[in-house]
Amino acid sequence: LSAAANATNQNEWIKLMEEELAANHPNIKLVQTVYGDDD
């Protein structure tokens, strides 16, 4: 559950989290990313 879809910091963290999950947590599946726009 992220903030705004264009938020630079959020998108960088999400990309790195996806990479970390793929590399070191094969049994965890990221099923969806949604955006609450900090609302």
All heavy atoms as atom14 arrays in JSON, in Angstrom:
{
  "sequence": "LSAAANATNQNEWIKLMEEELAANHPNIKLVQTVYGDDD",
  "atom14_mask": [
    [1, 1, 1, 1, 1, 1, 1, 1, 0, 0, 0, 0, 0, 0],
    [1, 1, 1, 1, 1, 1, 0, 0, 0, 0, 0, 0, 0, 0],
    [1, 1, 1, 1, 1, 0, 0, 0, 0, 0, 0, 0, 0, 0],
    [1, 1, 1, 1, 1, 0, 0, 0, 0, 0, 0, 0, 0, 0],
    [1, 1, 1, 1, 1, 0, 0, 0, 0, 0, 0, 0, 0, 0],
    [1, 1, 1, 1, 1, 1, 1, 1, 0, 0, 0, 0, 0, 0],
    [1, 1, 1, 1, 1, 0, 0, 0, 0, 0, 0, 0, 0, 0],
    [1, 1, 1, 1, 1, 1, 1, 0, 0, 0, 0, 0, 0, 0],
    [1, 1, 1, 1, 1, 1, 1, 1, 0, 0, 0, 0, 0, 0],
    [1, 1, 1, 1, 1, 1, 1, 1, 1, 0, 0, 0, 0, 0],
    [1, 1, 1, 1, 1, 1, 1, 1, 0, 0, 0, 0, 0, 0],
    [1, 1, 1, 1, 1, 1, 1, 1, 1, 0, 0, 0, 0, 0],
    [1, 1, 1, 1, 1, 1, 1, 1, 1, 1, 1, 1, 1, 1],
    [1, 1, 1, 1, 1, 1, 1, 1, 0, 0, 0, 0, 0, 0],
    [1, 1, 1, 1, 1, 1, 1, 1, 1, 0, 0, 0, 0, 0],
    [1, 1, 1, 1, 1, 1, 1, 1, 0, 0, 0, 0, 0, 0],
    [1, 1, 1, 1, 1, 1, 1, 1, 0, 0, 0, 0, 0, 0],
    [1, 1, 1, 1, 1, 1, 1, 1, 1, 0, 0, 0, 0, 0],
    [1, 1, 1, 1, 1, 1, 1, 1, 1, 0, 0, 0, 0, 0],
    [1, 1, 1, 1, 1, 1, 1, 1, 1, 0, 0, 0, 0, 0],
    [1, 1, 1, 1, 1, 1, 1, 1, 0, 0, 0, 0, 0, 0],
    [1, 1, 1, 1, 1, 0, 0, 0, 0, 0, 0, 0, 0, 0],
    [1, 1, 1, 1, 1, 0, 0, 0, 0, 0, 0, 0, 0, 0],
    [1, 1, 1, 1, 1, 1, 1, 1, 0, 0, 0, 0, 0, 0],
    [1, 1, 1, 1, 1, 1, 1, 1, 1, 1, 0, 0, 0, 0],
    [1, 1, 1, 1, 1, 1, 1, 0, 0, 0, 0, 0, 0, 0],
    [1, 1, 1, 1, 1, 1, 1, 1, 0, 0, 0, 0, 0, 0],
    [1, 1, 1, 1, 1, 1, 1, 1, 0, 0, 0, 0, 0, 0],
    [1, 1, 1, 1, 1, 1, 1, 1, 1, 0, 0, 0, 0, 0],
    [1, 1, 1, 1, 1, 1, 1, 1, 0, 0, 0, 0, 0, 0],
    [1, 1, 1, 1, 1, 1, 1, 0, 0, 0, 0, 0, 0, 0],
    [1, 1, 1, 1, 1, 1, 1, 1, 1, 0, 0, 0, 0, 0],
    [1, 1, 1, 1, 1, 1, 1, 0, 0, 0, 0, 0, 0, 0],
    [1, 1, 1, 1, 1, 1, 1, 0, 0, 0, 0, 0, 0, 0],
    [1, 1, 1, 1, 1, 1, 1, 1, 1, 1, 1, 1, 0, 0],
    [1, 1, 1, 1, 0, 0, 0, 0, 0, 0, 0, 0, 0, 0],
    [1, 1, 1, 1, 1, 1, 1, 1, 0, 0, 0, 0, 0, 0],
    [1, 1, 1, 1, 1, 1, 1, 1, 0, 0, 0, 0, 0, 0],
    [1, 1, 1, 1, 1, 1, 1, 1, 0, 0, 0, 0, 0, 0]
  ],
  "atom14_positions": [
    [[0.87, -1.18, 0.0], [0.0, 0.0, 0.0], [0.9, 1.22, 0.0], [1.51, 1.56, 1.02], [-0.91, 0.0, 1.23], [-1.71, 1.28, 1.49], [-2.67, 1.59, 0.34], [-2.46, 1.18, 2.82], [0.0, 0.0, 0.0], [0.0, 0.0, 0.0], [0.0, 0.0, 0.0], [0.0, 0.0, 0.0], [0.0, 0.0, 0.0], [0.0, 0.0, 0.0]],
    [[1.02, 1.87, -1.17], [1.93, 2.99, -1.33], [1.2, 4.32, -1.2], [0.01, 4.37, -0.89], [2.62, 2.87, -2.69], [3.59, 3.89, -2.86], [0.0, 0.0, 0.0], [0.0, 0.0, 0.0], [0.0, 0.0, 0.0], [0.0, 0.0, 0.0], [0.0, 0.0, 0.0], [0.0, 0.0, 0.0], [0.0, 0.0, 0.0], [0.0, 0.0, 0.0]],
    [[1.94, 5.4, -1.44], [1.35, 6.75, -1.43], [0.91, 7.08, -2.85], [0.1, 6.39, -3.43], [2.37, 7.75, -0.89], [0.0, 0.0, 0.0], [0.0, 0.0, 0.0], [0.0, 0.0, 0.0], [0.0, 0.0, 0.0], [0.0, 0.0, 0.0], [0.0, 0.0, 0.0], [0.0, 0.0, 0.0], [0.0, 0.0, 0.0], [0.0, 0.0, 0.0]],
    [[1.46, 8.15, -3.44], [1.09, 8.52, -4.81], [1.88, 7.69, -5.82], [3.04, 7.34, -5.59], [1.36, 10.01, -5.04], [0.0, 0.0, 0.0], [0.0, 0.0, 0.0], [0.0, 0.0, 0.0], [0.0, 0.0, 0.0], [0.0, 0.0, 0.0], [0.0, 0.0, 0.0], [0.0, 0.0, 0.0], [0.0, 0.0, 0.0], [0.0, 0.0, 0.0]],
    [[1.26, 7.41, -6.93], [1.89, 6.56, -7.95], [3.14, 7.2, -8.54], [4.01, 6.51, -9.07], [0.89, 6.26, -9.06], [0.0, 0.0, 0.0], [0.0, 0.0, 0.0], [0.0, 0.0, 0.0], [0.0, 0.0, 0.0], [0.0, 0.0, 0.0], [0.0, 0.0, 0.0], [0.0, 0.0, 0.0], [0.0, 0.0, 0.0], [0.0, 0.0, 0.0]],
    [[3.27, 8.54, -8.45], [4.42, 9.23, -9.01], [5.48, 9.59, -7.97], [6.47, 10.24, -8.3], [3.97, 10.52, -9.71], [3.13, 10.24, -10.93], [3.47, 9.39, -11.74], [2.02, 10.94, -11.07], [0.0, 0.0, 0.0], [0.0, 0.0, 0.0], [0.0, 0.0, 0.0], [0.0, 0.0, 0.0], [0.0, 0.0, 0.0], [0.0, 0.0, 0.0]],
    [[5.27, 9.21, -6.71], [6.21, 9.59, -5.65], [7.57, 8.91, -5.87], [7.66, 7.68, -5.9], [5.65, 9.22, -4.29], [0.0, 0.0, 0.0], [0.0, 0.0, 0.0], [0.0, 0.0, 0.0], [0.0, 0.0, 0.0], [0.0, 0.0, 0.0], [0.0, 0.0, 0.0], [0.0, 0.0, 0.0], [0.0, 0.0, 0.0], [0.0, 0.0, 0.0]],
    [[8.62, 9.71, -6.01], [9.94, 9.19, -6.35], [10.45, 8.2, -5.33], [10.94, 7.11, -5.67], [10.94, 10.35, -6.47], [10.38, 11.39, -7.27], [12.25, 9.88, -7.1], [0.0, 0.0, 0.0], [0.0, 0.0, 0.0], [0.0, 0.0, 0.0], [0.0, 0.0, 0.0], [0.0, 0.0, 0.0], [0.0, 0.0, 0.0], [0.0, 0.0, 0.0]],
    [[10.37, 8.58, -4.05], [10.92, 7.71, -3.02], [10.15, 6.4, -2.92], [10.74, 5.32, -2.83], [10.97, 8.42, -1.66], [9.62, 8.95, -1.21], [8.65, 8.99, -1.97], [9.54, 9.38, 0.04], [0.0, 0.0, 0.0], [0.0, 0.0, 0.0], [0.0, 0.0, 0.0], [0.0, 0.0, 0.0], [0.0, 0.0, 0.0], [0.0, 0.0, 0.0]],
    [[8.82, 6.48, -2.98], [8.0, 5.27, -2.91], [8.34, 4.3, -4.04], [8.49, 3.09, -3.83], [6.52, 5.65, -2.98], [6.03, 6.54, -1.86], [5.74, 5.77, -0.59], [5.12, 4.72, -0.62], [6.21, 6.29, 0.54], [0.0, 0.0, 0.0], [0.0, 0.0, 0.0], [0.0, 0.0, 0.0], [0.0, 0.0, 0.0], [0.0, 0.0, 0.0]],
    [[8.44, 4.84, -5.24], [8.69, 3.98, -6.4], [10.07, 3.33, -6.34], [10.24, 2.17, -6.74], [8.53, 4.78, -7.69], [7.08, 5.11, -7.97], [6.17, 4.44, -7.49], [6.84, 6.16, -8.74], [0.0, 0.0, 0.0], [0.0, 0.0, 0.0], [0.0, 0.0, 0.0], [0.0, 0.0, 0.0], [0.0, 0.0, 0.0], [0.0, 0.0, 0.0]],
    [[11.05, 4.07, -5.84], [12.39, 3.48, -5.71], [12.37, 2.36, -4.68], [12.93, 1.28, -4.91], [13.41, 4.55, -5.31], [14.83, 4.0, -5.23], [15.87, 5.07, -4.98], [15.48, 6.2, -4.61], [17.07, 4.77, -5.14], [0.0, 0.0, 0.0], [0.0, 0.0, 0.0], [0.0, 0.0, 0.0], [0.0, 0.0, 0.0], [0.0, 0.0, 0.0]],
    [[11.73, 2.59, -3.54], [11.65, 1.55, -2.51], [10.9, 0.33, -3.02], [11.31, -0.8, -2.77], [10.96, 2.09, -1.26], [11.67, 3.22, -0.59], [13.01, 3.5, -0.64], [11.09, 4.24, 0.22], [13.29, 4.62, 0.09], [12.13, 5.1, 0.62], [9.78, 4.51, 0.63], [11.9, 6.21, 1.44], [9.56, 5.62, 1.44], [10.61, 6.46, 1.85]],
    [[9.8, 0.56, -3.73], [9.01, -0.57, -4.24], [9.83, -1.41, -5.21], [9.83, -2.65, -5.15], [7.71, -0.07, -4.89], [6.76, 0.49, -3.82], [7.01, -1.19, -5.66], [5.58, 1.24, -4.37], [0.0, 0.0, 0.0], [0.0, 0.0, 0.0], [0.0, 0.0, 0.0], [0.0, 0.0, 0.0], [0.0, 0.0, 0.0], [0.0, 0.0, 0.0]],
    [[10.53, -0.73, -6.12], [11.38, -1.46, -7.07], [12.42, -2.3, -6.34], [12.64, -3.48, -6.66], [12.07, -0.48, -8.0], [13.02, -1.14, -8.98], [13.77, -0.11, -9.83], [14.8, -0.77, -10.73], [15.58, 0.23, -11.5], [0.0, 0.0, 0.0], [0.0, 0.0, 0.0], [0.0, 0.0, 0.0], [0.0, 0.0, 0.0], [0.0, 0.0, 0.0]],
    [[13.05, -1.72, -5.33], [14.08, -2.44, -4.58], [13.48, -3.55, -3.73], [14.09, -4.62, -3.57], [14.86, -1.46, -3.7], [15.75, -0.47, -4.47], [16.23, 0.64, -3.55], [16.94, -1.2, -5.09], [0.0, 0.0, 0.0], [0.0, 0.0, 0.0], [0.0, 0.0, 0.0], [0.0, 0.0, 0.0], [0.0, 0.0, 0.0], [0.0, 0.0, 0.0]],
    [[12.26, -3.35, -3.22], [11.59, -4.43, -2.48], [11.26, -5.6, -3.4], [11.42, -6.76, -3.01], [10.33, -3.9, -1.8], [10.6, -3.1, -0.53], [9.09, -2.76, 0.44], [8.43, -1.36, -0.45], [0.0, 0.0, 0.0], [0.0, 0.0, 0.0], [0.0, 0.0, 0.0], [0.0, 0.0, 0.0], [0.0, 0.0, 0.0], [0.0, 0.0, 0.0]],
    [[10.8, -5.29, -4.6], [10.52, -6.35, -5.57], [11.78, -7.15, -5.88], [11.74, -8.39, -5.96], [9.96, -5.74, -6.85], [8.56, -5.16, -6.7], [8.1, -4.37, -7.91], [8.96, -4.01, -8.75], [6.89, -4.09, -8.02], [0.0, 0.0, 0.0], [0.0, 0.0, 0.0], [0.0, 0.0, 0.0], [0.0, 0.0, 0.0], [0.0, 0.0, 0.0]],
    [[12.89, -6.45, -6.04], [14.16, -7.12, -6.32], [14.61, -7.97, -5.15], [15.1, -9.1, -5.32], [15.23, -6.1, -6.68], [14.97, -5.37, -8.0], [15.95, -4.24, -8.27], [16.8, -3.98, -7.37], [15.88, -3.63, -9.34], [0.0, 0.0, 0.0], [0.0, 0.0, 0.0], [0.0, 0.0, 0.0], [0.0, 0.0, 0.0], [0.0, 0.0, 0.0]],
    [[14.44, -7.45, -3.94], [14.83, -8.19, -2.74], [13.97, -9.43, -2.56], [14.48, -10.52, -2.22], [14.71, -7.28, -1.51], [14.96, -7.96, -0.18], [16.38, -8.45, 0.01], [17.28, -8.0, -0.73], [16.58, -9.3, 0.9], [0.0, 0.0, 0.0], [0.0, 0.0, 0.0], [0.0, 0.0, 0.0], [0.0, 0.0, 0.0], [0.0, 0.0, 0.0]],
    [[12.69, -9.33, -2.8], [11.8, -10.48, -2.7], [12.2, -11.56, -3.71], [12.27, -12.75, -3.38], [10.35, -10.06, -2.93], [9.67, -9.3, -1.79], [8.35, -8.71, -2.26], [9.42, -10.22, -0.59], [0.0, 0.0, 0.0], [0.0, 0.0, 0.0], [0.0, 0.0, 0.0], [0.0, 0.0, 0.0], [0.0, 0.0, 0.0], [0.0, 0.0, 0.0]],
    [[12.43, -11.13, -4.95], [12.77, -12.1, -6.0], [14.09, -12.8, -5.72], [14.24, -14.0, -5.98], [12.83, -11.38, -7.35], [0.0, 0.0, 0.0], [0.0, 0.0, 0.0], [0.0, 0.0, 0.0], [0.0, 0.0, 0.0], [0.0, 0.0, 0.0], [0.0, 0.0, 0.0], [0.0, 0.0, 0.0], [0.0, 0.0, 0.0], [0.0, 0.0, 0.0]],
    [[15.04, -12.05, -5.18], [16.39, -12.61, -4.98], [16.5, -13.49, -3.74], [17.21, -14.51, -3.76], [17.4, -11.48, -4.91], [0.0, 0.0, 0.0], [0.0, 0.0, 0.0], [0.0, 0.0, 0.0], [0.0, 0.0, 0.0], [0.0, 0.0, 0.0], [0.0, 0.0, 0.0], [0.0, 0.0, 0.0], [0.0, 0.0, 0.0], [0.0, 0.0, 0.0]],
    [[15.81, -13.11, -2.66], [16.07, -13.75, -1.38], [14.86, -14.33, -0.67], [15.01, -14.93, 0.4], [16.77, -12.75, -0.45], [18.12, -12.31, -0.99], [18.94, -13.14, -1.36], [18.32, -11.01, -1.07], [0.0, 0.0, 0.0], [0.0, 0.0, 0.0], [0.0, 0.0, 0.0], [0.0, 0.0, 0.0], [0.0, 0.0, 0.0], [0.0, 0.0, 0.0]],
    [[13.67, -14.14, -1.24], [12.46, -14.66, -0.58], [11.55, -15.32, -1.62], [10.45, -14.84, -1.91], [11.73, -13.53, 0.15], [12.56, -12.86, 1.2], [12.63, -13.32, 2.5], [13.38, -11.77, 1.13], [13.45, -12.54, 3.19], [13.91, -11.6, 2.38], [0.0, 0.0, 0.0], [0.0, 0.0, 0.0], [0.0, 0.0, 0.0], [0.0, 0.0, 0.0]],
    [[11.98, -16.46, -2.16], [11.23, -17.1, -3.25], [9.84, -17.58, -2.85], [8.99, -17.79, -3.73], [12.13, -18.28, -3.64], [12.94, -18.56, -2.41], [13.19, -17.21, -1.8], [0.0, 0.0, 0.0], [0.0, 0.0, 0.0], [0.0, 0.0, 0.0], [0.0, 0.0, 0.0], [0.0, 0.0, 0.0], [0.0, 0.0, 0.0], [0.0, 0.0, 0.0]],
    [[9.59, -17.73, -1.57], [8.29, -18.24, -1.12], [7.31, -17.13, -0.76], [6.19, -17.41, -0.32], [8.48, -19.17, 0.08], [9.24, -20.43, -0.29], [9.06, -20.97, -1.37], [10.11, -20.88, 0.6], [0.0, 0.0, 0.0], [0.0, 0.0, 0.0], [0.0, 0.0, 0.0], [0.0, 0.0, 0.0], [0.0, 0.0, 0.0], [0.0, 0.0, 0.0]],
    [[7.73, -15.88, -0.94], [6.82, -14.76, -0.74], [6.42, -14.22, -2.1], [7.27, -13.92, -2.94], [7.48, -13.64, 0.1], [7.8, -14.14, 1.51], [6.55, -12.42, 0.19], [8.46, -13.1, 2.4], [0.0, 0.0, 0.0], [0.0, 0.0, 0.0], [0.0, 0.0, 0.0], [0.0, 0.0, 0.0], [0.0, 0.0, 0.0], [0.0, 0.0, 0.0]],
    [[5.13, -14.08, -2.33], [4.62, -13.6, -3.6], [3.97, -12.22, -3.42], [3.04, -12.07, -2.63], [3.59, -14.57, -4.17], [3.02, -14.15, -5.52], [1.99, -15.14, -6.02], [1.4, -14.71, -7.37], [0.36, -15.66, -7.83], [0.0, 0.0, 0.0], [0.0, 0.0, 0.0], [0.0, 0.0, 0.0], [0.0, 0.0, 0.0], [0.0, 0.0, 0.0]],
    [[4.48, -11.23, -4.14], [3.86, -9.9, -4.15], [2.71, -9.92, -5.14], [2.91, -10.02, -6.35], [4.89, -8.84, -4.54], [4.37, -7.4, -4.64], [3.81, -6.92, -3.32], [5.48, -6.47, -5.14], [0.0, 0.0, 0.0], [0.0, 0.0, 0.0], [0.0, 0.0, 0.0], [0.0, 0.0, 0.0], [0.0, 0.0, 0.0], [0.0, 0.0, 0.0]],
    [[1.48, -9.82, -4.63], [0.31, -10.0, -5.49], [-0.24, -8.7, -6.06], [-0.88, -8.69, -7.11], [-0.81, -10.75, -4.74], [-0.38, -12.18, -4.45], [-1.22, -10.04, -3.46], [0.0, 0.0, 0.0], [0.0, 0.0, 0.0], [0.0, 0.0, 0.0], [0.0, 0.0, 0.0], [0.0, 0.0, 0.0], [0.0, 0.0, 0.0], [0.0, 0.0, 0.0]],
    [[0.01, -7.57, -5.37], [-0.53, -6.3, -5.87], [0.1, -5.12, -5.14], [0.44, -5.21, -3.96], [-2.06, -6.25, -5.69], [-2.74, -5.08, -6.41], [-4.25, -5.13, -6.31], [-4.82, -6.02, -5.67], [-4.91, -4.18, -6.94], [0.0, 0.0, 0.0], [0.0, 0.0, 0.0], [0.0, 0.0, 0.0], [0.0, 0.0, 0.0], [0.0, 0.0, 0.0]],
    [[0.25, -4.02, -5.88], [0.63, -2.73, -5.28], [-0.49, -1.75, -5.57], [-0.92, -1.6, -6.71], [1.95, -2.21, -5.87], [3.01, -3.12, -5.55], [2.29, -0.83, -5.32], [0.0, 0.0, 0.0], [0.0, 0.0, 0.0], [0.0, 0.0, 0.0], [0.0, 0.0, 0.0], [0.0, 0.0, 0.0], [0.0, 0.0, 0.0], [0.0, 0.0, 0.0]],
    [[-0.98, -1.08, -4.52], [-2.06, -0.1, -4.67], [-1.6, 1.23, -4.09], [-0.62, 1.3, -3.33], [-3.35, -0.57, -3.97], [-3.87, -1.84, -4.62], [-3.14, -0.78, -2.48], [0.0, 0.0, 0.0], [0.0, 0.0, 0.0], [0.0, 0.0, 0.0], [0.0, 0.0, 0.0], [0.0, 0.0, 0.0], [0.0, 0.0, 0.0], [0.0, 0.0, 0.0]],
    [[-2.33, 2.29, -4.45], [-1.9, 3.65, -4.1], [-3.02, 4.39, -3.36], [-4.11, 4.57, -3.89], [-1.49, 4.41, -5.35], [-0.38, 3.71, -6.1], [-0.66, 2.79, -7.1], [0.94, 3.93, -5.75], [0.35, 2.12, -7.77], [1.97, 3.27, -6.41], [1.67, 2.36, -7.41], [2.69, 1.7, -8.06], [0.0, 0.0, 0.0], [0.0, 0.0, 0.0]],
    [[-2.71, 4.83, -2.15], [-3.68, 5.58, -1.36], [-3.5, 7.07, -1.43], [-4.25, 7.83, -0.79], [0.0, 0.0, 0.0], [0.0, 0.0, 0.0], [0.0, 0.0, 0.0], [0.0, 0.0, 0.0], [0.0, 0.0, 0.0], [0.0, 0.0, 0.0], [0.0, 0.0, 0.0], [0.0, 0.0, 0.0], [0.0, 0.0, 0.0], [0.0, 0.0, 0.0]],
    [[-2.5, 7.54, -2.19], [-2.25, 8.97, -2.41], [-2.08, 9.76, -1.12], [-2.4, 10.95, -1.06], [-3.39, 9.58, -3.25], [-3.39, 9.04, -4.67], [-2.32, 8.66, -5.16], [-4.47, 8.99, -5.28], [0.0, 0.0, 0.0], [0.0, 0.0, 0.0], [0.0, 0.0, 0.0], [0.0, 0.0, 0.0], [0.0, 0.0, 0.0], [0.0, 0.0, 0.0]],
    [[-1.56, 9.11, -0.09], [-1.37, 9.77, 1.21], [-2.65, 10.42, 1.71], [-2.63, 11.47, 2.36], [-0.22, 10.79, 1.16], [1.11, 10.15, 1.56], [1.09, 9.05, 2.13], [2.16, 10.77, 1.3], [0.0, 0.0, 0.0], [0.0, 0.0, 0.0], [0.0, 0.0, 0.0], [0.0, 0.0, 0.0], [0.0, 0.0, 0.0], [0.0, 0.0, 0.0]],
    [[-3.76, 9.8, 1.39], [-5.07, 10.22, 1.87], [-5.59, 9.13, 2.81], [-5.64, 7.96, 2.44], [-6.03, 10.42, 0.7], [-7.42, 10.81, 1.15], [-7.65, 12.0, 1.37], [-8.28, 9.9, 1.3], [0.0, 0.0, 0.0], [0.0, 0.0, 0.0], [0.0, 0.0, 0.0], [0.0, 0.0, 0.0], [0.0, 0.0, 0.0], [0.0, 0.0, 0.0]]
  ]
}
